[in-house]
Amino acid sequence: MKIVAVTACPTGIAHTYMAQEAIEKECRKRGYEVKVETQGSMGIENELEQEEIDEADVVILAVAIGIEGEDRFEEKERLGKLLSLDPAKAIHDPVKVIDAAEKL
């Protein structure tokens, strides 16, 4: 399975990167290909290319604020392959988040 994600929180510091780490760790544990874009205090890091988004089985938006480039994910949302949640959920229960992503 290939998963791409975006993480962002209001201050763009702790929760953005903690959610990134939790998602990446759980995906690696399951042997999934994963790439996480962060939109934090340092701007956009590890930016997802449209091709990566298109090739992904599912997109996870672990965001608590509006993000730049949200329109890149419209097709995945239309197909029901987009999971949107608060970054805290990804941090505190990444197993449940990835389980939910699998079900899409």
PDB file of N, CA and C in Angstrom:
ATOM      1  N   MET A   1       0.850  -1.174   0.000  1.00  0.00           N
ATOM      2  CA  MET A   1       0.000   0.000   0.000  1.00  0.00           C
ATOM      3  C   MET A   1       0.897   1.237   0.000  1.00  0.00           C
ATOM      4  N   LYS A   2       0.457   2.252  -0.731  1.00  0.00           N
ATOM      5  CA  LYS A   2       1.198   3.516  -0.785  1.00  0.00           C
ATOM      6  C   LYS A   2       0.319   4.603  -0.178  1.00  0.00           C
ATOM      7  N   ILE A   3       0.864   5.277   0.834  1.00  0.00           N
ATOM      8  CA  ILE A   3       0.133   6.323   1.545  1.00  0.00           C
ATOM      9  C   ILE A   3       0.921   7.625   1.462  1.00  0.00           C
ATOM     10  N   VAL A   4       0.209   8.708   1.162  1.00  0.00           N
ATOM     11  CA  VAL A   4       0.792  10.038   1.273  1.00  0.00           C
ATOM     12  C   VAL A   4      -0.032  10.809   2.290  1.00  0.00           C
ATOM     13  N   ALA A   5       0.613  11.760   2.955  1.00  0.00           N
ATOM     14  CA  ALA A   5      -0.077  12.506   4.003  1.00  0.00           C
ATOM     15  C   ALA A   5       0.447  13.936   4.064  1.00  0.00           C
ATOM     16  N   VAL A   6      -0.363  14.789   4.674  1.00  0.00           N
ATOM     17  CA  VAL A   6       0.048  16.152   5.005  1.00  0.00           C
ATOM     18  C   VAL A   6      -0.274  16.346   6.477  1.00  0.00           C
ATOM     19  N   THR A   7       0.679  16.909   7.214  1.00  0.00           N
ATOM     20  CA  THR A   7       0.432  17.235   8.612  1.00  0.00           C
ATOM     21  C   THR A   7       0.630  18.736   8.803  1.00  0.00           C
ATOM     22  N   ALA A   8      -0.254  19.331   9.609  1.00  0.00           N
ATOM     23  CA  ALA A   8      -0.161  20.770   9.904  1.00  0.00           C
ATOM     24  C   ALA A   8      -0.960  21.076  11.160  1.00  0.00           C
ATOM     25  N   CYS A   9      -0.417  21.956  11.988  1.00  0.00           N
ATOM     26  CA  CYS A   9      -1.124  22.402  13.186  1.00  0.00           C
ATOM     27  C   CYS A   9      -1.032  23.923  13.271  1.00  0.00           C
ATOM     28  N   PRO A  10      -1.834  24.553  14.120  1.00  0.00           N
ATOM     29  CA  PRO A  10      -1.860  26.022  14.169  1.00  0.00           C
ATOM     30  C   PRO A  10      -0.503  26.690  14.386  1.00  0.00           C
ATOM     31  N   THR A  11       0.318  26.154  15.271  1.00  0.00           N
ATOM     32  CA  THR A  11       1.616  26.782  15.511  1.00  0.00           C
ATOM     33  C   THR A  11       2.684  26.259  14.556  1.00  0.00           C
ATOM     34  N   GLY A  12       2.416  25.100  13.945  1.00  0.00           N
ATOM     35  CA  GLY A  12       3.360  24.560  12.968  1.00  0.00           C
ATOM     36  C   GLY A  12       4.645  24.048  13.576  1.00  0.00           C
ATOM     37  N   ILE A  13       4.555  23.638  14.821  1.00  0.00           N
ATOM     38  CA  ILE A  13       5.778  23.155  15.460  1.00  0.00           C
ATOM     39  C   ILE A  13       5.576  21.700  15.888  1.00  0.00           C
ATOM     40  N   ALA A  14       5.250  21.484  17.132  1.00  0.00           N
ATOM     41  CA  ALA A  14       5.248  20.141  17.710  1.00  0.00           C
ATOM     42  C   ALA A  14       4.310  19.153  17.027  1.00  0.00           C
ATOM     43  N   HIS A  15       3.020  19.437  17.010  1.00  0.00           N
ATOM     44  CA  HIS A  15       2.066  18.447  16.510  1.00  0.00           C
ATOM     45  C   HIS A  15       2.270  18.121  15.034  1.00  0.00           C
ATOM     46  N   THR A  16       2.698  19.088  14.251  1.00  0.00           N
ATOM     47  CA  THR A  16       2.961  18.838  12.826  1.00  0.00           C
ATOM     48  C   THR A  16       3.976  17.711  12.670  1.00  0.00           C
ATOM     49  N   TYR A  17       5.080  17.806  13.384  1.00  0.00           N
ATOM     50  CA  TYR A  17       6.169  16.846  13.233  1.00  0.00           C
ATOM     51  C   TYR A  17       5.930  15.558  14.011  1.00  0.00           C
ATOM     52  N   MET A  18       5.217  15.653  15.128  1.00  0.00           N
ATOM     53  CA  MET A  18       4.875  14.441  15.883  1.00  0.00           C
ATOM     54  C   MET A  18       3.907  13.577  15.074  1.00  0.00           C
ATOM     55  N   ALA A  19       2.944  14.202  14.404  1.00  0.00           N
ATOM     56  CA  ALA A  19       1.996  13.452  13.572  1.00  0.00           C
ATOM     57  C   ALA A  19       2.722  12.816  12.393  1.00  0.00           C
ATOM     58  N   GLN A  20       3.648  13.561  11.789  1.00  0.00           N
ATOM     59  CA  GLN A  20       4.441  13.015  10.685  1.00  0.00           C
ATOM     60  C   GLN A  20       5.181  11.752  11.134  1.00  0.00           C
ATOM     61  N   GLU A  21       5.850  11.857  12.256  1.00  0.00           N
ATOM     62  CA  GLU A  21       6.634  10.730  12.763  1.00  0.00           C
ATOM     63  C   GLU A  21       5.749   9.522  13.067  1.00  0.00           C
ATOM     64  N   ALA A  22       4.595   9.756  13.681  1.00  0.00           N
ATOM     65  CA  ALA A  22       3.692   8.655  14.041  1.00  0.00           C
ATOM     66  C   ALA A  22       3.165   7.944  12.798  1.00  0.00           C
ATOM     67  N   ILE A  23       2.772   8.700  11.788  1.00  0.00           N
ATOM     68  CA  ILE A  23       2.260   8.107  10.544  1.00  0.00           C
ATOM     69  C   ILE A  23       3.362   7.318   9.845  1.00  0.00           C
ATOM     70  N   GLU A  24       4.537   7.917   9.721  1.00  0.00           N
ATOM     71  CA  GLU A  24       5.646   7.231   9.049  1.00  0.00           C
ATOM     72  C   GLU A  24       6.030   5.944   9.770  1.00  0.00           C
ATOM     73  N   LYS A  25       6.101   6.001  11.082  1.00  0.00           N
ATOM     74  CA  LYS A  25       6.507   4.834  11.872  1.00  0.00           C
ATOM     75  C   LYS A  25       5.509   3.681  11.710  1.00  0.00           C
ATOM     76  N   GLU A  26       4.219   3.996  11.786  1.00  0.00           N
ATOM     77  CA  GLU A  26       3.206   2.938  11.657  1.00  0.00           C
ATOM     78  C   GLU A  26       3.184   2.363  10.244  1.00  0.00           C
ATOM     79  N   CYS A  27       3.348   3.196   9.257  1.00  0.00           N
ATOM     80  CA  CYS A  27       3.372   2.709   7.871  1.00  0.00           C
ATOM     81  C   CYS A  27       4.581   1.808   7.627  1.00  0.00           C
ATOM     82  N   ARG A  28       5.744   2.224   8.116  1.00  0.00           N
ATOM     83  CA  ARG A  28       6.945   1.392   7.946  1.00  0.00           C
ATOM     84  C   ARG A  28       6.791   0.049   8.649  1.00  0.00           C
ATOM     85  N   LYS A  29       6.156   0.073   9.824  1.00  0.00           N
ATOM     86  CA  LYS A  29       5.931  -1.158  10.580  1.00  0.00           C
ATOM     87  C   LYS A  29       5.114  -2.156   9.753  1.00  0.00           C
ATOM     88  N   ARG A  30       4.198  -1.622   8.931  1.00  0.00           N
ATOM     89  CA  ARG A  30       3.337  -2.468   8.100  1.00  0.00           C
ATOM     90  C   ARG A  30       3.931  -2.739   6.715  1.00  0.00           C
ATOM     91  N   GLY A  31       5.086  -2.160   6.445  1.00  0.00           N
ATOM     92  CA  GLY A  31       5.732  -2.365   5.151  1.00  0.00           C
ATOM     93  C   GLY A  31       5.134  -1.525   4.033  1.00  0.00           C
ATOM     94  N   TYR A  32       4.471  -0.441   4.378  1.00  0.00           N
ATOM     95  CA  TYR A  32       3.848   0.432   3.390  1.00  0.00           C
ATOM     96  C   TYR A  32       4.819   1.510   2.932  1.00  0.00           C
ATOM     97  N   GLU A  33       4.648   1.929   1.695  1.00  0.00           N
ATOM     98  CA  GLU A  33       5.385   3.071   1.176  1.00  0.00           C
ATOM     99  C   GLU A  33       4.676   4.322   1.689  1.00  0.00           C
ATOM    100  N   VAL A  34       5.443   5.280   2.208  1.00  0.00           N
ATOM    101  CA  VAL A  34       4.814   6.470   2.802  1.00  0.00           C
ATOM    102  C   VAL A  34       5.662   7.716   2.536  1.00  0.00           C
ATOM    103  N   LYS A  35       4.981   8.814   2.314  1.00  0.00           N
ATOM    104  CA  LYS A  35       5.637  10.123   2.227  1.00  0.00           C
ATOM    105  C   LYS A  35       4.715  11.121   2.900  1.00  0.00           C
ATOM    106  N   VAL A  36       5.292  11.921   3.802  1.00  0.00           N
ATOM    107  CA  VAL A  36       4.505  12.896   4.558  1.00  0.00           C
ATOM    108  C   VAL A  36       5.052  14.295   4.311  1.00  0.00           C
ATOM    109  N   GLU A  37       4.185  15.152   3.810  1.00  0.00           N
ATOM    110  CA  GLU A  37       4.501  16.569   3.638  1.00  0.00           C
ATOM    111  C   GLU A  37       4.127  17.287   4.931  1.00  0.00           C
ATOM    112  N   THR A  38       5.006  18.158   5.414  1.00  0.00           N
ATOM    113  CA  THR A  38       4.675  18.959   6.585  1.00  0.00           C
ATOM    114  C   THR A  38       4.509  20.412   6.162  1.00  0.00           C
ATOM    115  N   GLN A  39       3.516  21.035   6.747  1.00  0.00           N
ATOM    116  CA  GLN A  39       3.317  22.472   6.555  1.00  0.00           C
ATOM    117  C   GLN A  39       3.372  23.086   7.939  1.00  0.00           C
ATOM    118  N   GLY A  40       4.571  23.532   8.291  1.00  0.00           N
ATOM    119  CA  GLY A  40       4.787  24.026   9.645  1.00  0.00           C
ATOM    120  C   GLY A  40       5.481  25.368   9.671  1.00  0.00           C
ATOM    121  N   SER A  41       6.142  25.622  10.772  1.00  0.00           N
ATOM    122  CA  SER A  41       6.799  26.909  10.975  1.00  0.00           C
ATOM    123  C   SER A  41       7.940  27.122   9.982  1.00  0.00           C
ATOM    124  N   MET A  42       8.429  26.056   9.399  1.00  0.00           N
ATOM    125  CA  MET A  42       9.515  26.128   8.420  1.00  0.00           C
ATOM    126  C   MET A  42       8.965  26.195   6.992  1.00  0.00           C
ATOM    127  N   GLY A  43       7.663  26.361   6.858  1.00  0.00           N
ATOM    128  CA  GLY A  43       7.047  26.359   5.530  1.00  0.00           C
ATOM    129  C   GLY A  43       6.690  24.934   5.123  1.00  0.00           C
ATOM    130  N   ILE A  44       6.632  24.694   3.826  1.00  0.00           N
ATOM    131  CA  ILE A  44       6.313  23.351   3.322  1.00  0.00           C
ATOM    132  C   ILE A  44       7.611  22.576   3.179  1.00  0.00           C
ATOM    133  N   GLU A  45       7.650  21.413   3.804  1.00  0.00           N
ATOM    134  CA  GLU A  45       8.809  20.529   3.706  1.00  0.00           C
ATOM    135  C   GLU A  45       8.350  19.189   3.146  1.00  0.00           C
ATOM    136  N   ASN A  46       9.254  18.550   2.374  1.00  0.00           N
ATOM    137  CA  ASN A  46       8.960  17.230   1.818  1.00  0.00           C
ATOM    138  C   ASN A  46       7.703  17.292   0.935  1.00  0.00           C
ATOM    139  N   GLU A  47       7.595  18.337   0.132  1.00  0.00           N
ATOM    140  CA  GLU A  47       6.384  18.609  -0.651  1.00  0.00           C
ATOM    141  C   GLU A  47       6.021  17.450  -1.575  1.00  0.00           C
ATOM    142  N   LEU A  48       4.751  17.094  -1.550  1.00  0.00           N
ATOM    143  CA  LEU A  48       4.244  16.015  -2.390  1.00  0.00           C
ATOM    144  C   LEU A  48       4.073  16.502  -3.826  1.00  0.00           C
ATOM    145  N   GLU A  49       4.551  15.704  -4.759  1.00  0.00           N
ATOM    146  CA  GLU A  49       4.341  15.981  -6.179  1.00  0.00           C
ATOM    147  C   GLU A  49       2.964  15.435  -6.561  1.00  0.00           C
ATOM    148  N   GLN A  50       2.333  16.036  -7.554  1.00  0.00           N
ATOM    149  CA  GLN A  50       1.013  15.573  -7.979  1.00  0.00           C
ATOM    150  C   GLN A  50       1.046  14.101  -8.386  1.00  0.00           C
ATOM    151  N   GLU A  51       2.124  13.672  -9.018  1.00  0.00           N
ATOM    152  CA  GLU A  51       2.262  12.275  -9.433  1.00  0.00           C
ATOM    153  C   GLU A  51       2.241  11.333  -8.225  1.00  0.00           C
ATOM    154  N   GLU A  52       2.888  11.731  -7.139  1.00  0.00           N
ATOM    155  CA  GLU A  52       2.899  10.912  -5.921  1.00  0.00           C
ATOM    156  C   GLU A  52       1.496  10.807  -5.337  1.00  0.00           C
ATOM    157  N   ILE A  53       0.765  11.907  -5.371  1.00  0.00           N
ATOM    158  CA  ILE A  53      -0.610  11.915  -4.865  1.00  0.00           C
ATOM    159  C   ILE A  53      -1.480  11.007  -5.722  1.00  0.00           C
ATOM    160  N   ASP A  54      -1.345  11.137  -7.036  1.00  0.00           N
ATOM    161  CA  ASP A  54      -2.151  10.340  -7.963  1.00  0.00           C
ATOM    162  C   ASP A  54      -1.882   8.840  -7.816  1.00  0.00           C
ATOM    163  N   GLU A  55      -0.639   8.471  -7.537  1.00  0.00           N
ATOM    164  CA  GLU A  55      -0.258   7.060  -7.424  1.00  0.00           C
ATOM    165  C   GLU A  55      -0.602   6.455  -6.069  1.00  0.00           C
ATOM    166  N   ALA A  56      -0.873   7.289  -5.083  1.00  0.00           N
ATOM    167  CA  ALA A  56      -1.142   6.794  -3.725  1.00  0.00           C
ATOM    168  C   ALA A  56      -2.482   6.068  -3.657  1.00  0.00           C
ATOM    169  N   ASP A  57      -2.530   5.063  -2.794  1.00  0.00           N
ATOM    170  CA  ASP A  57      -3.783   4.347  -2.546  1.00  0.00           C
ATOM    171  C   ASP A  57      -4.711   5.184  -1.681  1.00  0.00           C
ATOM    172  N   VAL A  58      -4.119   5.989  -0.807  1.00  0.00           N
ATOM    173  CA  VAL A  58      -4.914   6.812   0.105  1.00  0.00           C
ATOM    174  C   VAL A  58      -4.122   8.049   0.526  1.00  0.00           C
ATOM    175  N   VAL A  59      -4.853   9.118   0.821  1.00  0.00           N
ATOM    176  CA  VAL A  59      -4.261  10.362   1.325  1.00  0.00           C
ATOM    177  C   VAL A  59      -4.783  10.588   2.740  1.00  0.00           C
ATOM    178  N   ILE A  60      -3.874  10.918   3.648  1.00  0.00           N
ATOM    179  CA  ILE A  60      -4.240  11.280   5.015  1.00  0.00           C
ATOM    180  C   ILE A  60      -3.926  12.760   5.204  1.00  0.00           C
ATOM    181  N   LEU A  61      -4.933  13.519   5.596  1.00  0.00           N
ATOM    182  CA  LEU A  61      -4.719  14.927   5.950  1.00  0.00           C
ATOM    183  C   LEU A  61      -4.883  15.037   7.459  1.00  0.00           C
ATOM    184  N   ALA A  62      -3.755  15.077   8.165  1.00  0.00           N
ATOM    185  CA  ALA A  62      -3.761  15.236   9.616  1.00  0.00           C
ATOM    186  C   ALA A  62      -3.490  16.713   9.883  1.00  0.00           C
ATOM    187  N   VAL A  63      -4.542  17.510   9.722  1.00  0.00           N
ATOM    188  CA  VAL A  63      -4.387  18.961   9.770  1.00  0.00           C
ATOM    189  C   VAL A  63      -5.424  19.606  10.684  1.00  0.00           C
ATOM    190  N   ALA A  64      -4.993  20.652  11.365  1.00  0.00           N
ATOM    191  CA  ALA A  64      -5.894  21.399  12.249  1.00  0.00           C
ATOM    192  C   ALA A  64      -6.086  22.827  11.743  1.00  0.00           C
ATOM    193  N   ILE A  65      -5.543  23.096  10.559  1.00  0.00           N
ATOM    194  CA  ILE A  65      -5.644  24.415   9.927  1.00  0.00           C
ATOM    195  C   ILE A  65      -5.829  24.220   8.432  1.00  0.00           C
ATOM    196  N   GLY A  66      -6.181  25.279   7.729  1.00  0.00           N
ATOM    197  CA  GLY A  66      -6.215  25.210   6.271  1.00  0.00           C
ATOM    198  C   GLY A  66      -4.793  25.028   5.754  1.00  0.00           C
ATOM    199  N   ILE A  67      -4.631  24.275   4.697  1.00  0.00           N
ATOM    200  CA  ILE A  67      -3.294  24.026   4.158  1.00  0.00           C
ATOM    201  C   ILE A  67      -3.168  24.590   2.750  1.00  0.00           C
ATOM    202  N   GLU A  68      -1.940  24.819   2.354  1.00  0.00           N
ATOM    203  CA  GLU A  68      -1.671  25.265   0.998  1.00  0.00           C
ATOM    204  C   GLU A  68      -1.814  24.079   0.043  1.00  0.00           C
ATOM    205  N   GLY A  69      -2.394  24.331  -1.112  1.00  0.00           N
ATOM    206  CA  GLY A  69      -2.479  23.288  -2.128  1.00  0.00           C
ATOM    207  C   GLY A  69      -3.488  22.196  -1.849  1.00  0.00           C
ATOM    208  N   GLU A  70      -4.508  22.512  -1.071  1.00  0.00           N
ATOM    209  CA  GLU A  70      -5.504  21.491  -0.722  1.00  0.00           C
ATOM    210  C   GLU A  70      -6.219  20.952  -1.963  1.00  0.00           C
ATOM    211  N   ASP A  71      -6.308  21.771  -3.004  1.00  0.00           N
ATOM    212  CA  ASP A  71      -6.972  21.354  -4.237  1.00  0.00           C
ATOM    213  C   ASP A  71      -6.269  20.172  -4.909  1.00  0.00           C
ATOM    214  N   ARG A  72      -5.016  19.906  -4.559  1.00  0.00           N
ATOM    215  CA  ARG A  72      -4.284  18.756  -5.127  1.00  0.00           C
ATOM    216  C   ARG A  72      -4.943  17.430  -4.781  1.00  0.00           C
ATOM    217  N   PHE A  73      -5.767  17.430  -3.739  1.00  0.00           N
ATOM    218  CA  PHE A  73      -6.335  16.185  -3.222  1.00  0.00           C
ATOM    219  C   PHE A  73      -7.801  15.976  -3.601  1.00  0.00           C
ATOM    220  N   GLU A  74      -8.352  16.860  -4.422  1.00  0.00           N
ATOM    221  CA  GLU A  74      -9.779  16.796  -4.774  1.00  0.00           C
ATOM    222  C   GLU A  74     -10.175  15.473  -5.415  1.00  0.00           C
ATOM    223  N   GLU A  75      -9.335  14.949  -6.297  1.00  0.00           N
ATOM    224  CA  GLU A  75      -9.657  13.686  -6.977  1.00  0.00           C
ATOM    225  C   GLU A  75      -9.706  12.530  -5.976  1.00  0.00           C
ATOM    226  N   LYS A  76      -8.756  12.466  -5.068  1.00  0.00           N
ATOM    227  CA  LYS A  76      -8.750  11.400  -4.050  1.00  0.00           C
ATOM    228  C   LYS A  76      -9.984  11.521  -3.156  1.00  0.00           C
ATOM    229  N   GLU A  77     -10.362  12.754  -2.830  1.00  0.00           N
ATOM    230  CA  GLU A  77     -11.558  12.954  -2.005  1.00  0.00           C
ATOM    231  C   GLU A  77     -12.800  12.482  -2.757  1.00  0.00           C
ATOM    232  N   ARG A  78     -12.878  12.814  -4.030  1.00  0.00           N
ATOM    233  CA  ARG A  78     -14.014  12.403  -4.860  1.00  0.00           C
ATOM    234  C   ARG A  78     -14.122  10.876  -4.923  1.00  0.00           C
ATOM    235  N   LEU A  79     -12.983  10.215  -4.933  1.00  0.00           N
ATOM    236  CA  LEU A  79     -12.945   8.750  -5.004  1.00  0.00           C
ATOM    237  C   LEU A  79     -13.124   8.080  -3.636  1.00  0.00           C
ATOM    238  N   GLY A  80     -13.242   8.889  -2.577  1.00  0.00           N
ATOM    239  CA  GLY A  80     -13.381   8.326  -1.234  1.00  0.00           C
ATOM    240  C   GLY A  80     -12.089   7.760  -0.686  1.00  0.00           C
ATOM    241  N   LYS A  81     -10.971   8.296  -1.162  1.00  0.00           N
ATOM    242  CA  LYS A  81      -9.647   7.803  -0.745  1.00  0.00           C
ATOM    243  C   LYS A  81      -8.884   8.844   0.068  1.00  0.00           C
ATOM    244  N   LEU A  82      -9.639   9.690   0.777  1.00  0.00           N
ATOM    245  CA  LEU A  82      -9.029  10.742   1.584  1.00  0.00           C
ATOM    246  C   LEU A  82      -9.552  10.637   3.013  1.00  0.00           C
ATOM    247  N   LEU A  83      -8.618  10.600   3.951  1.00  0.00           N
ATOM    248  CA  LEU A  83      -8.949  10.533   5.371  1.00  0.00           C
ATOM    249  C   LEU A  83      -8.477  11.833   6.009  1.00  0.00           C
ATOM    250  N   SER A  84      -9.404  12.582   6.585  1.00  0.00           N
ATOM    251  CA  SER A  84      -9.074  13.861   7.196  1.00  0.00           C
ATOM    252  C   SER A  84      -9.306  13.773   8.702  1.00  0.00           C
ATOM    253  N   LEU A  85      -8.313  14.207   9.480  1.00  0.00           N
ATOM    254  CA  LEU A  85      -8.405  14.102  10.930  1.00  0.00           C
ATOM    255  C   LEU A  85      -7.498  15.118  11.595  1.00  0.00           C
ATOM    256  N   ASP A  86      -7.680  15.282  12.891  1.00  0.00           N
ATOM    257  CA  ASP A  86      -6.848  16.178  13.682  1.00  0.00           C
ATOM    258  C   ASP A  86      -5.469  15.526  13.893  1.00  0.00           C
ATOM    259  N   PRO A  87      -4.391  16.302  13.851  1.00  0.00           N
ATOM    260  CA  PRO A  87      -3.063  15.726  14.065  1.00  0.00           C
ATOM    261  C   PRO A  87      -2.942  14.954  15.379  1.00  0.00           C
ATOM    262  N   ALA A  88      -3.660  15.379  16.414  1.00  0.00           N
ATOM    263  CA  ALA A  88      -3.582  14.693  17.711  1.00  0.00           C
ATOM    264  C   ALA A  88      -4.007  13.233  17.604  1.00  0.00           C
ATOM    265  N   LYS A  89      -4.983  12.942  16.739  1.00  0.00           N
ATOM    266  CA  LYS A  89      -5.410  11.550  16.557  1.00  0.00           C
ATOM    267  C   LYS A  89      -4.292  10.708  15.969  1.00  0.00           C
ATOM    268  N   ALA A  90      -3.557  11.271  15.023  1.00  0.00           N
ATOM    269  CA  ALA A  90      -2.438  10.541  14.417  1.00  0.00           C
ATOM    270  C   ALA A  90      -1.331  10.306  15.441  1.00  0.00           C
ATOM    271  N   ILE A  91      -1.135  11.274  16.313  1.00  0.00           N
ATOM    272  CA  ILE A  91      -0.085  11.156  17.332  1.00  0.00           C
ATOM    273  C   ILE A  91      -0.454  10.106  18.377  1.00  0.00           C
ATOM    274  N   HIS A  92      -1.693  10.157  18.861  1.00  0.00           N
ATOM    275  CA  HIS A  92      -2.097   9.309  19.985  1.00  0.00           C
ATOM    276  C   HIS A  92      -2.534   7.908  19.579  1.00  0.00           C
ATOM    277  N   ASP A  93      -2.994   7.725  18.356  1.00  0.00           N
ATOM    278  CA  ASP A  93      -3.436   6.394  17.947  1.00  0.00           C
ATOM    279  C   ASP A  93      -3.173   6.146  16.458  1.00  0.00           C
ATOM    280  N   PRO A  94      -1.890   6.110  16.059  1.00  0.00           N
ATOM    281  CA  PRO A  94      -1.568   5.901  14.650  1.00  0.00           C
ATOM    282  C   PRO A  94      -2.058   4.562  14.115  1.00  0.00           C
ATOM    283  N   VAL A  95      -2.158   3.552  14.973  1.00  0.00           N
ATOM    284  CA  VAL A  95      -2.660   2.242  14.535  1.00  0.00           C
ATOM    285  C   VAL A  95      -4.085   2.381  14.016  1.00  0.00           C
ATOM    286  N   LYS A  96      -4.927   3.074  14.771  1.00  0.00           N
ATOM    287  CA  LYS A  96      -6.323   3.265  14.381  1.00  0.00           C
ATOM    288  C   LYS A  96      -6.418   4.091  13.094  1.00  0.00           C
ATOM    289  N   VAL A  97      -5.553   5.086  12.960  1.00  0.00           N
ATOM    290  CA  VAL A  97      -5.558   5.941  11.768  1.00  0.00           C
ATOM    291  C   VAL A  97      -5.208   5.121  10.521  1.00  0.00           C
ATOM    292  N   ILE A  98      -4.170   4.330  10.600  1.00  0.00           N
ATOM    293  CA  ILE A  98      -3.769   3.538   9.438  1.00  0.00           C
ATOM    294  C   ILE A  98      -4.778   2.425   9.171  1.00  0.00           C
ATOM    295  N   ASP A  99      -5.361   1.862  10.215  1.00  0.00           N
ATOM    296  CA  ASP A  99      -6.459   0.899  10.033  1.00  0.00           C
ATOM    297  C   ASP A  99      -7.602   1.527   9.237  1.00  0.00           C
ATOM    298  N   ALA A 100      -7.967   2.761   9.600  1.00  0.00           N
ATOM    299  CA  ALA A 100      -9.051   3.480   8.896  1.00  0.00           C
ATOM    300  C   ALA A 100      -8.664   3.746   7.444  1.00  0.00           C
ATOM    301  N   ALA A 101      -7.415   4.095   7.226  1.00  0.00           N
ATOM    302  CA  ALA A 101      -6.939   4.350   5.862  1.00  0.00           C
ATOM    303  C   ALA A 101      -7.025   3.088   5.012  1.00  0.00           C
ATOM    304  N   GLU A 102      -6.693   1.951   5.598  1.00  0.00           N
ATOM    305  CA  GLU A 102      -6.767   0.664   4.879  1.00  0.00           C
ATOM    306  C   GLU A 102      -8.181   0.375   4.421  1.00  0.00           C
ATOM    307  N   LYS A 103      -9.153   0.760   5.217  1.00  0.00           N
ATOM    308  CA  LYS A 103     -10.553   0.453   4.904  1.00  0.00           C
ATOM    309  C   LYS A 103     -11.105   1.303   3.760  1.00  0.00           C
ATOM    310  N   LEU A 104     -10.405   2.392   3.431  1.00  0.00           N
ATOM    311  CA  LEU A 104     -10.853   3.228   2.311  1.00  0.00           C
ATOM    312  C   LEU A 104     -10.580   2.493   1.023  1.00  0.00           C
TER     313      LEU A 104
END
